[in-house]
C-alpha cells in the first residue's frame, strides 16, 4: 500500500475494527439482542458497524420498544463481555510512537464502553476521547471528527482519520479529512478510493521539520 505522501497535524482514530478487534463480542451481543426481539440478523449485522447503537436500535427494533432503555441494556452487555477482545495488529506500539496531544479517539461507542475495550485490549488512552454521547449526530455525519479536530486545536483538513467502516469513512469524507482504512476485521474487500492496509505493522510515524506527523514504512 502507498502511504499518504503528506504530513498531518493530528490523527483521529475510530475504535472498533480500527484499534480494537471486538468482532466476536459485537456478534454475540447483537445477535442475542436480535433473537430477543425476533429481528432478522443478517440485515442488522450488515448495518450496525460504525453507527451508534441507539440509531441502530431505533432502525431495527419493533414498534413500541424503548430505544434508550434498550441501548443502556445492550451497552452494559457489551461492557460486561470482553472475551476475545484484542488490539488490531500493532496498534498499541504504533500509538505509542505518536507524540502526546496529537491524536484523539473518535468512536460511535459510549464513553464507558470505549474505555473498557481500550483497557481490555491494552490500548493506551489518548488525552481526548470523542464518544457517542458527545455529538447530536453520529457517523456518517461529520460531527464527531469535526469535534475531535476542534478539541485538538487543529484544522480538520490537516487530520488523517483511521477508520474501518463505510459509515466512518463517509463521516471522514463529509468532514473534509484525509482517511486511511484498516481492514483486519473485514471479510470482503471494501470499495474505497482511500489507502487501505490490514493493520499497523510495518509502518511508523515521524515528525517533520514543522512538527507534523508523517507515516513511513519500516
N, C-alpha and C. Protein backbone atom coordinates (compact mmCIF):
# COMPACT_ATOMS: atom_id res chain seq x y z
N UNK A 1 0.83 -1.19 0.00
CA UNK A 1 0.00 0.00 0.00
C UNK A 1 0.87 1.24 0.00
N UNK A 2 0.53 2.23 -0.78
CA UNK A 2 1.22 3.50 -0.78
C UNK A 2 0.72 4.35 0.38
N UNK A 3 1.64 4.82 1.21
CA UNK A 3 1.26 5.66 2.34
C UNK A 3 0.98 7.08 1.85
N UNK A 4 0.14 7.83 2.57
CA UNK A 4 -0.13 9.22 2.17
C UNK A 4 1.18 10.01 2.06
N UNK A 5 1.34 10.73 0.98
CA UNK A 5 2.57 11.48 0.73
C UNK A 5 2.43 12.91 1.23
N UNK A 6 2.14 13.05 2.52
CA UNK A 6 2.00 14.37 3.13
C UNK A 6 2.08 14.21 4.64
N UNK A 7 2.21 15.32 5.31
CA UNK A 7 2.22 15.32 6.77
C UNK A 7 0.88 15.80 7.30
N UNK A 8 0.59 15.46 8.56
CA UNK A 8 -0.69 15.78 9.18
C UNK A 8 -0.47 16.41 10.54
N UNK A 9 -1.36 17.33 10.89
CA UNK A 9 -1.29 17.96 12.20
C UNK A 9 -1.66 16.99 13.31
N UNK A 10 -2.57 16.04 13.02
CA UNK A 10 -3.04 15.10 14.04
C UNK A 10 -3.71 13.91 13.37
N UNK A 11 -3.83 12.84 14.16
CA UNK A 11 -4.53 11.63 13.72
C UNK A 11 -5.81 11.47 14.55
N UNK A 12 -6.89 11.03 13.89
CA UNK A 12 -8.16 10.74 14.55
C UNK A 12 -8.50 9.28 14.32
N UNK A 13 -8.62 8.51 15.40
CA UNK A 13 -8.82 7.06 15.30
C UNK A 13 -10.22 6.65 15.74
N UNK A 14 -10.88 5.88 14.89
CA UNK A 14 -12.05 5.11 15.31
C UNK A 14 -11.55 4.02 16.26
N UNK A 15 -12.46 3.32 16.93
CA UNK A 15 -12.04 2.26 17.86
C UNK A 15 -12.33 0.86 17.33
N UNK A 16 -13.62 0.46 17.33
CA UNK A 16 -13.96 -0.91 16.97
C UNK A 16 -13.59 -1.19 15.52
N UNK A 17 -12.78 -2.23 15.33
CA UNK A 17 -12.35 -2.60 13.99
C UNK A 17 -11.16 -1.81 13.50
N UNK A 18 -10.82 -0.74 14.22
CA UNK A 18 -9.70 0.12 13.82
C UNK A 18 -8.54 0.00 14.80
N UNK A 19 -8.82 0.11 16.09
CA UNK A 19 -7.81 -0.11 17.12
C UNK A 19 -8.06 -1.41 17.89
N UNK A 20 -9.33 -1.75 18.07
CA UNK A 20 -9.71 -2.94 18.83
C UNK A 20 -10.50 -3.89 17.95
N UNK A 21 -10.09 -5.15 17.94
CA UNK A 21 -10.86 -6.18 17.24
C UNK A 21 -11.90 -6.71 18.22
N UNK A 22 -13.10 -6.20 18.10
CA UNK A 22 -14.20 -6.55 19.01
C UNK A 22 -15.29 -7.34 18.30
N UNK A 23 -14.97 -7.89 17.15
CA UNK A 23 -15.98 -8.52 16.31
C UNK A 23 -16.71 -9.65 17.02
N UNK A 24 -15.98 -10.45 17.80
CA UNK A 24 -16.62 -11.59 18.48
C UNK A 24 -17.65 -11.11 19.49
N UNK A 25 -17.29 -10.07 20.26
CA UNK A 25 -18.21 -9.54 21.26
C UNK A 25 -19.43 -8.91 20.59
N UNK A 26 -19.19 -8.09 19.59
CA UNK A 26 -20.28 -7.43 18.87
C UNK A 26 -21.24 -8.48 18.31
N UNK A 27 -20.70 -9.50 17.73
CA UNK A 27 -21.52 -10.55 17.13
C UNK A 27 -22.39 -11.23 18.19
N UNK A 28 -21.79 -11.59 19.32
CA UNK A 28 -22.54 -12.27 20.38
C UNK A 28 -23.66 -11.40 20.94
N UNK A 29 -23.32 -10.17 21.29
CA UNK A 29 -24.28 -9.31 21.98
C UNK A 29 -25.42 -8.90 21.06
N UNK A 30 -25.10 -8.51 19.84
CA UNK A 30 -26.15 -8.05 18.94
C UNK A 30 -27.02 -9.19 18.42
N UNK A 31 -26.45 -10.36 18.22
CA UNK A 31 -27.28 -11.50 17.81
C UNK A 31 -28.23 -11.91 18.93
N UNK A 32 -27.77 -11.83 20.17
CA UNK A 32 -28.65 -12.13 21.30
C UNK A 32 -29.78 -11.11 21.39
N UNK A 33 -29.46 -9.84 21.17
CA UNK A 33 -30.49 -8.80 21.18
C UNK A 33 -31.50 -9.04 20.06
N UNK A 34 -31.02 -9.38 18.88
CA UNK A 34 -31.91 -9.64 17.75
C UNK A 34 -32.83 -10.83 18.03
N UNK A 35 -32.28 -11.86 18.65
CA UNK A 35 -33.09 -13.04 18.97
C UNK A 35 -34.21 -12.70 19.95
N UNK A 36 -33.92 -11.84 20.93
CA UNK A 36 -34.94 -11.47 21.92
C UNK A 36 -36.10 -10.74 21.26
N UNK A 37 -35.83 -10.03 20.18
CA UNK A 37 -36.88 -9.23 19.54
C UNK A 37 -37.33 -9.80 18.20
N UNK A 38 -36.88 -11.03 17.90
CA UNK A 38 -37.27 -11.71 16.66
C UNK A 38 -36.92 -10.86 15.43
N UNK A 39 -35.70 -10.32 15.42
CA UNK A 39 -35.22 -9.48 14.33
C UNK A 39 -34.30 -10.31 13.44
N UNK A 40 -34.44 -10.16 12.14
CA UNK A 40 -33.58 -10.87 11.20
C UNK A 40 -32.15 -10.36 11.37
N UNK A 41 -31.23 -11.29 11.55
CA UNK A 41 -29.89 -10.88 11.96
C UNK A 41 -29.02 -10.36 10.82
N UNK A 42 -29.14 -10.92 9.63
CA UNK A 42 -28.20 -10.54 8.56
C UNK A 42 -28.28 -9.05 8.22
N UNK A 43 -29.47 -8.48 7.99
CA UNK A 43 -29.53 -7.03 7.72
C UNK A 43 -29.02 -6.20 8.89
N UNK A 44 -29.33 -6.66 10.11
CA UNK A 44 -28.89 -5.94 11.30
C UNK A 44 -27.37 -5.90 11.37
N UNK A 45 -26.73 -7.06 11.24
CA UNK A 45 -25.28 -7.14 11.38
C UNK A 45 -24.57 -6.38 10.27
N UNK A 46 -25.19 -6.32 9.11
CA UNK A 46 -24.58 -5.59 8.00
C UNK A 46 -24.63 -4.08 8.19
N UNK A 47 -25.59 -3.61 9.01
CA UNK A 47 -25.83 -2.18 9.12
C UNK A 47 -25.25 -1.53 10.37
N UNK A 48 -24.90 -2.30 11.38
CA UNK A 48 -24.59 -1.70 12.68
C UNK A 48 -23.18 -1.17 12.84
N UNK A 49 -22.23 -1.62 12.01
CA UNK A 49 -20.83 -1.28 12.25
C UNK A 49 -20.56 0.21 11.98
N UNK A 50 -19.93 0.84 12.95
CA UNK A 50 -19.57 2.25 12.83
C UNK A 50 -20.67 3.22 13.21
N UNK A 51 -21.85 2.71 13.52
CA UNK A 51 -23.02 3.55 13.81
C UNK A 51 -23.33 3.45 15.30
N UNK A 52 -23.83 4.53 15.89
CA UNK A 52 -24.19 4.50 17.31
C UNK A 52 -25.30 3.48 17.55
N UNK A 53 -25.20 2.80 18.69
CA UNK A 53 -26.15 1.74 18.99
C UNK A 53 -27.59 2.23 19.00
N UNK A 54 -27.81 3.42 19.55
CA UNK A 54 -29.20 3.89 19.66
C UNK A 54 -29.81 4.09 18.28
N UNK A 55 -29.01 4.49 17.30
CA UNK A 55 -29.54 4.68 15.96
C UNK A 55 -29.86 3.35 15.29
N UNK A 56 -29.02 2.34 15.55
CA UNK A 56 -29.31 1.00 15.03
C UNK A 56 -30.57 0.44 15.68
N UNK A 57 -30.71 0.61 16.97
CA UNK A 57 -31.89 0.10 17.67
C UNK A 57 -33.15 0.81 17.19
N UNK A 58 -33.09 2.11 17.03
CA UNK A 58 -34.26 2.82 16.50
C UNK A 58 -34.64 2.33 15.12
N UNK A 59 -33.67 1.93 14.34
CA UNK A 59 -33.93 1.48 12.97
C UNK A 59 -34.54 0.08 12.93
N UNK A 60 -34.09 -0.80 13.82
CA UNK A 60 -34.46 -2.21 13.69
C UNK A 60 -35.43 -2.71 14.76
N UNK A 61 -35.55 -2.02 15.88
CA UNK A 61 -36.40 -2.54 16.96
C UNK A 61 -37.87 -2.51 16.57
N UNK A 62 -38.65 -3.45 17.08
CA UNK A 62 -40.10 -3.44 16.82
C UNK A 62 -40.74 -2.19 17.41
N UNK A 63 -41.90 -1.85 16.88
CA UNK A 63 -42.65 -0.69 17.37
C UNK A 63 -42.93 -0.84 18.86
N UNK A 64 -42.82 0.26 19.56
CA UNK A 64 -43.13 0.26 20.98
C UNK A 64 -41.95 0.01 21.89
N UNK A 65 -40.81 -0.38 21.33
CA UNK A 65 -39.63 -0.64 22.14
C UNK A 65 -39.02 0.69 22.59
N UNK A 66 -38.62 0.78 23.85
CA UNK A 66 -37.95 1.96 24.39
C UNK A 66 -36.49 1.93 23.95
N UNK A 67 -36.17 2.71 22.94
CA UNK A 67 -34.83 2.65 22.34
C UNK A 67 -33.73 3.03 23.33
N UNK A 68 -33.98 4.03 24.15
CA UNK A 68 -32.95 4.46 25.10
C UNK A 68 -32.70 3.39 26.16
N UNK A 69 -33.76 2.78 26.66
CA UNK A 69 -33.59 1.72 27.65
C UNK A 69 -32.89 0.51 27.04
N UNK A 70 -33.26 0.16 25.82
CA UNK A 70 -32.62 -0.96 25.13
C UNK A 70 -31.13 -0.68 24.91
N UNK A 71 -30.81 0.55 24.56
CA UNK A 71 -29.42 0.92 24.34
C UNK A 71 -28.60 0.78 25.61
N UNK A 72 -29.17 1.22 26.74
CA UNK A 72 -28.47 1.09 28.01
C UNK A 72 -28.21 -0.37 28.35
N UNK A 73 -29.22 -1.21 28.13
CA UNK A 73 -29.07 -2.63 28.44
C UNK A 73 -28.04 -3.29 27.54
N UNK A 74 -28.10 -2.98 26.25
CA UNK A 74 -27.18 -3.57 25.31
C UNK A 74 -25.75 -3.09 25.57
N UNK A 75 -25.60 -1.81 25.87
CA UNK A 75 -24.27 -1.28 26.16
C UNK A 75 -23.66 -1.95 27.38
N UNK A 76 -24.45 -2.17 28.40
CA UNK A 76 -23.94 -2.85 29.59
C UNK A 76 -23.52 -4.27 29.26
N UNK A 77 -24.28 -4.93 28.40
CA UNK A 77 -23.91 -6.29 27.98
C UNK A 77 -22.56 -6.28 27.26
N UNK A 78 -22.32 -5.24 26.45
CA UNK A 78 -21.04 -5.14 25.75
C UNK A 78 -19.90 -4.81 26.72
N UNK A 79 -20.18 -3.99 27.73
CA UNK A 79 -19.17 -3.68 28.73
C UNK A 79 -18.79 -4.94 29.51
N UNK A 80 -19.77 -5.77 29.82
CA UNK A 80 -19.53 -6.96 30.63
C UNK A 80 -18.82 -8.07 29.85
N UNK A 81 -18.90 -8.05 28.55
CA UNK A 81 -18.35 -9.13 27.71
C UNK A 81 -17.06 -8.65 27.05
N UNK A 82 -15.92 -9.13 27.54
CA UNK A 82 -14.64 -8.76 26.92
C UNK A 82 -13.91 -9.97 26.36
N UNK A 83 -14.58 -11.12 26.36
CA UNK A 83 -13.93 -12.34 25.86
C UNK A 83 -13.61 -12.21 24.37
N UNK A 84 -12.34 -12.40 24.05
CA UNK A 84 -11.92 -12.34 22.65
C UNK A 84 -11.49 -10.97 22.18
N UNK A 85 -11.62 -9.95 23.02
CA UNK A 85 -11.15 -8.61 22.63
C UNK A 85 -9.63 -8.62 22.46
N UNK A 86 -9.15 -7.93 21.43
CA UNK A 86 -7.71 -7.85 21.19
C UNK A 86 -7.40 -6.59 20.40
N UNK A 87 -6.18 -6.14 20.50
CA UNK A 87 -5.79 -5.00 19.69
C UNK A 87 -5.72 -5.42 18.22
N UNK A 88 -6.02 -4.51 17.33
CA UNK A 88 -5.70 -4.71 15.92
C UNK A 88 -4.18 -4.74 15.82
N UNK A 89 -3.65 -5.59 14.95
CA UNK A 89 -2.23 -5.85 14.91
C UNK A 89 -1.34 -4.62 14.93
N UNK A 90 -0.50 -4.51 15.96
CA UNK A 90 0.47 -3.43 16.05
C UNK A 90 -0.08 -2.10 16.51
N UNK A 91 -1.35 -2.04 16.91
CA UNK A 91 -1.97 -0.75 17.23
C UNK A 91 -1.32 -0.07 18.43
N UNK A 92 -1.12 -0.81 19.52
CA UNK A 92 -0.58 -0.19 20.73
C UNK A 92 0.83 0.35 20.50
N UNK A 93 1.65 -0.41 19.81
CA UNK A 93 3.01 0.03 19.52
C UNK A 93 3.01 1.27 18.65
N UNK A 94 2.13 1.28 17.65
CA UNK A 94 2.05 2.43 16.76
C UNK A 94 1.60 3.68 17.51
N UNK A 95 0.57 3.55 18.33
CA UNK A 95 0.06 4.70 19.08
C UNK A 95 1.11 5.27 20.03
N UNK A 96 1.94 4.39 20.58
CA UNK A 96 2.98 4.84 21.50
C UNK A 96 4.01 5.72 20.81
N UNK A 97 4.07 5.67 19.50
CA UNK A 97 5.03 6.46 18.73
C UNK A 97 4.50 7.86 18.41
N UNK A 98 3.21 8.10 18.65
CA UNK A 98 2.62 9.39 18.32
C UNK A 98 2.82 10.34 19.50
N UNK A 99 3.31 11.55 19.26
CA UNK A 99 3.51 12.49 20.37
C UNK A 99 2.20 12.77 21.11
N UNK A 100 2.31 13.01 22.40
CA UNK A 100 1.14 13.30 23.23
C UNK A 100 0.39 14.52 22.70
N UNK A 101 -0.93 14.44 22.74
CA UNK A 101 -1.76 15.55 22.30
C UNK A 101 -1.91 15.67 20.81
N UNK A 102 -1.44 14.66 20.06
CA UNK A 102 -1.51 14.73 18.60
C UNK A 102 -2.45 13.69 18.01
N UNK A 103 -3.19 12.98 18.89
CA UNK A 103 -4.20 12.06 18.37
C UNK A 103 -5.39 12.01 19.33
N UNK A 104 -6.52 11.64 18.77
CA UNK A 104 -7.74 11.53 19.55
C UNK A 104 -8.49 10.27 19.13
N UNK A 105 -9.26 9.73 20.06
CA UNK A 105 -10.18 8.64 19.76
C UNK A 105 -11.53 9.24 19.39
N UNK A 106 -12.09 8.80 18.28
CA UNK A 106 -13.39 9.30 17.82
C UNK A 106 -14.25 8.08 17.51
N UNK A 107 -15.11 7.71 18.44
CA UNK A 107 -15.83 6.45 18.35
C UNK A 107 -17.33 6.63 18.45
N UNK A 108 -18.06 5.71 17.86
CA UNK A 108 -19.52 5.69 17.99
C UNK A 108 -19.97 4.98 19.25
N UNK A 109 -19.02 4.40 19.98
CA UNK A 109 -19.35 3.72 21.24
C UNK A 109 -19.54 4.72 22.36
N UNK A 110 -20.39 4.42 23.33
CA UNK A 110 -20.46 5.25 24.53
C UNK A 110 -19.11 5.28 25.25
N UNK A 111 -18.84 6.33 25.99
CA UNK A 111 -17.54 6.51 26.62
C UNK A 111 -17.16 5.33 27.53
N UNK A 112 -18.11 4.88 28.36
CA UNK A 112 -17.80 3.79 29.29
C UNK A 112 -17.38 2.53 28.55
N UNK A 113 -18.05 2.23 27.45
CA UNK A 113 -17.71 1.06 26.66
C UNK A 113 -16.35 1.24 25.98
N UNK A 114 -16.10 2.42 25.47
CA UNK A 114 -14.82 2.68 24.80
C UNK A 114 -13.66 2.50 25.76
N UNK A 115 -13.77 3.07 26.96
CA UNK A 115 -12.69 2.95 27.93
C UNK A 115 -12.48 1.50 28.36
N UNK A 116 -13.57 0.76 28.52
CA UNK A 116 -13.48 -0.65 28.89
C UNK A 116 -12.76 -1.46 27.81
N UNK A 117 -13.10 -1.23 26.56
CA UNK A 117 -12.49 -2.01 25.49
C UNK A 117 -11.03 -1.64 25.27
N UNK A 118 -10.70 -0.37 25.36
CA UNK A 118 -9.31 0.03 25.22
C UNK A 118 -8.45 -0.62 26.30
N UNK A 119 -8.93 -0.58 27.53
CA UNK A 119 -8.19 -1.19 28.63
C UNK A 119 -8.02 -2.69 28.42
N UNK A 120 -9.11 -3.36 28.03
CA UNK A 120 -9.06 -4.81 27.85
C UNK A 120 -8.11 -5.22 26.73
N UNK A 121 -8.00 -4.37 25.71
CA UNK A 121 -7.14 -4.69 24.56
C UNK A 121 -5.72 -4.17 24.73
N UNK A 122 -5.44 -3.47 25.84
CA UNK A 122 -4.10 -2.96 26.07
C UNK A 122 -3.75 -1.76 25.21
N UNK A 123 -4.76 -0.96 24.86
CA UNK A 123 -4.55 0.22 24.03
C UNK A 123 -4.43 1.44 24.93
N UNK A 124 -3.41 2.28 24.75
CA UNK A 124 -3.26 3.47 25.60
C UNK A 124 -4.39 4.47 25.38
N UNK A 125 -4.74 5.17 26.45
CA UNK A 125 -5.79 6.18 26.37
C UNK A 125 -5.22 7.50 25.87
N UNK A 126 -5.89 8.12 24.89
CA UNK A 126 -5.47 9.45 24.48
C UNK A 126 -5.98 10.50 25.45
N UNK A 127 -5.49 11.72 25.32
CA UNK A 127 -5.98 12.79 26.15
C UNK A 127 -7.42 13.16 25.78
N UNK A 128 -7.77 12.96 24.52
CA UNK A 128 -9.09 13.38 24.03
C UNK A 128 -9.85 12.17 23.51
N UNK A 129 -11.06 11.98 24.03
CA UNK A 129 -11.96 10.91 23.58
C UNK A 129 -13.28 11.55 23.19
N UNK A 130 -13.67 11.38 21.94
CA UNK A 130 -14.99 11.79 21.46
C UNK A 130 -15.82 10.52 21.36
N UNK A 131 -16.88 10.45 22.16
CA UNK A 131 -17.71 9.24 22.23
C UNK A 131 -19.13 9.54 21.76
N UNK A 132 -19.97 8.51 21.79
CA UNK A 132 -21.32 8.61 21.24
C UNK A 132 -22.11 9.76 21.84
N UNK A 133 -21.97 9.96 23.16
CA UNK A 133 -22.77 10.96 23.83
C UNK A 133 -22.28 12.40 23.63
N UNK A 134 -21.18 12.56 22.94
CA UNK A 134 -20.60 13.90 22.76
C UNK A 134 -21.13 14.65 21.56
N UNK A 135 -21.89 13.98 20.69
CA UNK A 135 -22.41 14.64 19.49
C UNK A 135 -23.90 14.34 19.33
N UNK A 136 -24.58 15.25 18.67
CA UNK A 136 -26.01 15.06 18.42
C UNK A 136 -26.25 14.10 17.26
N UNK A 137 -25.32 14.08 16.32
CA UNK A 137 -25.48 13.24 15.13
C UNK A 137 -24.24 12.36 14.97
N UNK A 138 -24.45 11.06 14.99
CA UNK A 138 -23.34 10.12 14.87
C UNK A 138 -22.93 9.89 13.42
N UNK A 139 -21.88 9.11 13.24
CA UNK A 139 -21.44 8.73 11.90
C UNK A 139 -22.60 8.09 11.15
N UNK A 140 -22.79 8.39 9.89
CA UNK A 140 -21.89 9.02 8.92
C UNK A 140 -21.89 10.54 8.91
N UNK A 141 -22.56 11.20 9.84
CA UNK A 141 -22.45 12.65 9.96
C UNK A 141 -21.02 13.00 10.38
N UNK A 142 -20.51 14.16 10.00
CA UNK A 142 -19.12 14.51 10.27
C UNK A 142 -18.86 15.07 11.66
N UNK A 143 -19.91 15.25 12.47
CA UNK A 143 -19.81 15.98 13.73
C UNK A 143 -18.67 15.50 14.64
N UNK A 144 -18.54 14.18 14.77
CA UNK A 144 -17.56 13.64 15.72
C UNK A 144 -16.13 13.97 15.31
N UNK A 145 -15.83 13.86 14.02
CA UNK A 145 -14.46 14.18 13.58
C UNK A 145 -14.19 15.67 13.64
N UNK A 146 -15.18 16.48 13.35
CA UNK A 146 -15.02 17.92 13.47
C UNK A 146 -14.74 18.30 14.93
N UNK A 147 -15.44 17.66 15.85
CA UNK A 147 -15.23 17.94 17.27
C UNK A 147 -13.85 17.46 17.72
N UNK A 148 -13.42 16.31 17.23
CA UNK A 148 -12.09 15.81 17.57
C UNK A 148 -11.00 16.78 17.15
N UNK A 149 -11.09 17.28 15.92
CA UNK A 149 -10.10 18.25 15.45
C UNK A 149 -10.14 19.53 16.28
N UNK A 150 -11.36 19.97 16.59
CA UNK A 150 -11.51 21.19 17.39
C UNK A 150 -10.85 21.03 18.76
N UNK A 151 -11.09 19.88 19.41
CA UNK A 151 -10.53 19.64 20.74
C UNK A 151 -8.99 19.56 20.69
N UNK A 152 -8.46 19.10 19.57
CA UNK A 152 -7.01 19.03 19.41
C UNK A 152 -6.42 20.38 19.00
N UNK A 153 -7.27 21.32 18.61
CA UNK A 153 -6.80 22.63 18.20
C UNK A 153 -6.20 22.66 16.82
N UNK A 154 -6.70 21.79 15.92
CA UNK A 154 -6.17 21.74 14.56
C UNK A 154 -7.33 21.83 13.57
N UNK A 155 -6.99 22.09 12.31
CA UNK A 155 -7.99 22.10 11.25
C UNK A 155 -8.30 20.68 10.80
N UNK A 156 -9.56 20.39 10.54
CA UNK A 156 -9.94 19.04 10.13
C UNK A 156 -9.26 18.63 8.82
N UNK A 157 -9.04 19.57 7.93
CA UNK A 157 -8.37 19.25 6.68
C UNK A 157 -6.92 18.87 6.84
N UNK A 158 -6.37 19.11 8.03
CA UNK A 158 -4.98 18.75 8.32
C UNK A 158 -4.90 17.44 9.11
N UNK A 159 -6.02 16.73 9.24
CA UNK A 159 -6.08 15.50 10.01
C UNK A 159 -6.15 14.27 9.10
N UNK A 160 -5.61 13.16 9.61
CA UNK A 160 -5.78 11.86 8.97
C UNK A 160 -6.68 11.01 9.86
N UNK A 161 -7.79 10.57 9.31
CA UNK A 161 -8.73 9.70 10.02
C UNK A 161 -8.40 8.25 9.71
N UNK A 162 -8.37 7.44 10.77
CA UNK A 162 -8.16 5.99 10.65
C UNK A 162 -9.50 5.33 10.92
N UNK A 163 -10.02 4.58 9.95
CA UNK A 163 -11.36 4.02 10.02
C UNK A 163 -11.40 2.60 9.45
N UNK A 164 -12.53 1.93 9.69
CA UNK A 164 -12.72 0.61 9.10
C UNK A 164 -14.10 0.43 8.48
N UNK A 165 -15.06 1.29 8.81
CA UNK A 165 -16.44 1.07 8.36
C UNK A 165 -16.87 2.08 7.32
N UNK A 166 -17.81 1.70 6.46
CA UNK A 166 -18.35 2.67 5.49
C UNK A 166 -18.92 3.92 6.16
N UNK A 167 -19.62 3.76 7.29
CA UNK A 167 -20.18 4.92 7.98
C UNK A 167 -19.09 5.86 8.46
N UNK A 168 -18.01 5.30 8.98
CA UNK A 168 -16.91 6.12 9.47
C UNK A 168 -16.17 6.82 8.35
N UNK A 169 -15.96 6.11 7.26
CA UNK A 169 -15.28 6.71 6.11
C UNK A 169 -16.13 7.83 5.53
N UNK A 170 -17.44 7.61 5.46
CA UNK A 170 -18.34 8.66 4.96
C UNK A 170 -18.28 9.88 5.87
N UNK A 171 -18.17 9.67 7.18
CA UNK A 171 -18.08 10.78 8.12
C UNK A 171 -16.78 11.56 7.92
N UNK A 172 -15.68 10.84 7.70
CA UNK A 172 -14.40 11.50 7.44
C UNK A 172 -14.46 12.31 6.16
N UNK A 173 -15.04 11.73 5.12
CA UNK A 173 -15.18 12.45 3.84
C UNK A 173 -16.03 13.70 4.02
N UNK A 174 -17.14 13.57 4.73
CA UNK A 174 -18.03 14.71 4.93
C UNK A 174 -17.36 15.81 5.75
N UNK A 175 -16.46 15.41 6.65
CA UNK A 175 -15.77 16.39 7.48
C UNK A 175 -14.68 17.13 6.71
N UNK A 176 -14.17 16.48 5.65
CA UNK A 176 -13.09 17.09 4.88
C UNK A 176 -11.72 16.64 5.30
N UNK A 177 -11.63 15.49 5.98
CA UNK A 177 -10.36 14.94 6.42
C UNK A 177 -9.84 13.93 5.41
N UNK A 178 -8.54 13.69 5.43
CA UNK A 178 -7.97 12.56 4.71
C UNK A 178 -8.30 11.30 5.51
N UNK A 179 -8.27 10.14 4.86
CA UNK A 179 -8.62 8.91 5.55
C UNK A 179 -7.75 7.75 5.08
N UNK A 180 -7.58 6.81 5.98
CA UNK A 180 -6.92 5.55 5.67
C UNK A 180 -7.76 4.44 6.30
N UNK A 181 -7.86 3.30 5.62
CA UNK A 181 -8.78 2.24 6.03
C UNK A 181 -7.99 1.06 6.60
N UNK A 182 -8.39 0.60 7.79
CA UNK A 182 -7.82 -0.59 8.41
C UNK A 182 -8.76 -1.76 8.14
N UNK A 183 -8.22 -2.85 7.60
CA UNK A 183 -9.08 -3.92 7.09
C UNK A 183 -8.96 -5.24 7.84
N UNK A 184 -8.29 -5.30 8.99
CA UNK A 184 -8.07 -6.57 9.67
C UNK A 184 -9.36 -7.34 9.91
N UNK A 185 -10.44 -6.65 10.23
CA UNK A 185 -11.69 -7.34 10.57
C UNK A 185 -12.62 -7.51 9.37
N UNK A 186 -12.19 -7.10 8.19
CA UNK A 186 -13.05 -7.19 7.01
C UNK A 186 -13.06 -8.61 6.45
N UNK A 187 -14.23 -9.05 6.04
CA UNK A 187 -14.36 -10.35 5.38
C UNK A 187 -14.40 -10.20 3.86
N UNK A 188 -14.66 -8.98 3.40
CA UNK A 188 -14.72 -8.71 1.97
C UNK A 188 -13.92 -7.46 1.66
N UNK A 189 -13.46 -7.34 0.43
CA UNK A 189 -12.71 -6.17 0.01
C UNK A 189 -13.65 -4.96 -0.03
N UNK A 190 -13.23 -3.86 0.58
CA UNK A 190 -14.04 -2.65 0.59
C UNK A 190 -13.71 -1.80 -0.64
N UNK A 191 -14.73 -1.34 -1.31
CA UNK A 191 -14.55 -0.46 -2.46
C UNK A 191 -14.36 0.96 -1.94
N UNK A 192 -13.13 1.44 -1.92
CA UNK A 192 -12.84 2.77 -1.39
C UNK A 192 -11.68 3.38 -2.14
N UNK A 193 -11.72 4.69 -2.37
CA UNK A 193 -10.60 5.36 -3.01
C UNK A 193 -9.45 5.64 -2.05
N UNK A 194 -9.69 5.40 -0.76
CA UNK A 194 -8.68 5.71 0.25
C UNK A 194 -7.64 4.59 0.36
N UNK A 195 -6.42 4.91 0.77
CA UNK A 195 -5.43 3.85 1.01
C UNK A 195 -5.92 2.92 2.10
N UNK A 196 -5.55 1.65 1.99
CA UNK A 196 -6.00 0.65 2.96
C UNK A 196 -4.85 -0.27 3.31
N UNK A 197 -4.88 -0.74 4.55
CA UNK A 197 -3.88 -1.73 4.97
C UNK A 197 -4.51 -2.60 6.04
N UNK A 198 -3.96 -3.79 6.24
CA UNK A 198 -4.55 -4.73 7.18
C UNK A 198 -4.47 -4.23 8.61
N UNK A 199 -3.29 -3.73 9.01
CA UNK A 199 -3.09 -3.31 10.40
C UNK A 199 -1.94 -2.32 10.45
N UNK A 200 -1.33 -2.16 11.63
CA UNK A 200 -0.32 -1.12 11.83
C UNK A 200 1.11 -1.65 11.75
N UNK A 201 1.25 -2.93 11.55
CA UNK A 201 2.59 -3.49 11.45
C UNK A 201 3.23 -3.07 10.13
N UNK A 202 4.51 -2.70 10.22
CA UNK A 202 5.23 -2.28 9.03
C UNK A 202 5.17 -0.80 8.74
N UNK A 203 4.54 -0.01 9.63
CA UNK A 203 4.54 1.44 9.46
C UNK A 203 4.98 2.11 10.75
N UNK A 204 5.53 3.28 10.62
CA UNK A 204 5.95 4.07 11.76
C UNK A 204 5.52 5.51 11.52
N UNK A 205 5.64 6.34 12.54
CA UNK A 205 5.28 7.74 12.41
C UNK A 205 6.47 8.59 12.84
N UNK A 206 6.78 9.59 12.06
CA UNK A 206 7.86 10.53 12.36
C UNK A 206 7.28 11.95 12.37
N UNK A 207 8.01 12.87 12.95
CA UNK A 207 7.62 14.27 12.89
C UNK A 207 8.52 14.97 11.88
N UNK A 208 7.91 15.83 11.06
CA UNK A 208 8.69 16.54 10.05
C UNK A 208 9.28 17.82 10.65
N UNK A 209 9.87 18.65 9.80
CA UNK A 209 10.56 19.85 10.27
C UNK A 209 9.61 20.82 10.97
N UNK A 210 8.32 20.73 10.67
CA UNK A 210 7.32 21.60 11.29
C UNK A 210 6.64 20.96 12.49
N UNK A 211 7.07 19.74 12.84
CA UNK A 211 6.46 19.05 13.97
C UNK A 211 5.20 18.29 13.63
N UNK A 212 4.85 18.21 12.34
CA UNK A 212 3.68 17.46 11.92
C UNK A 212 4.02 15.98 11.77
N UNK A 213 2.98 15.16 11.69
CA UNK A 213 3.12 13.71 11.66
C UNK A 213 3.19 13.19 10.23
N UNK A 214 4.12 12.27 10.01
CA UNK A 214 4.27 11.68 8.67
C UNK A 214 4.46 10.18 8.81
N UNK A 215 3.73 9.42 8.00
CA UNK A 215 3.83 7.97 8.01
C UNK A 215 5.00 7.51 7.16
N UNK A 216 5.74 6.52 7.69
CA UNK A 216 6.87 5.96 6.97
C UNK A 216 6.83 4.44 7.08
N UNK A 217 7.29 3.77 6.04
CA UNK A 217 7.39 2.30 6.08
C UNK A 217 8.62 1.93 6.89
N UNK A 218 8.53 0.80 7.58
CA UNK A 218 9.70 0.31 8.32
C UNK A 218 9.84 -1.20 8.13
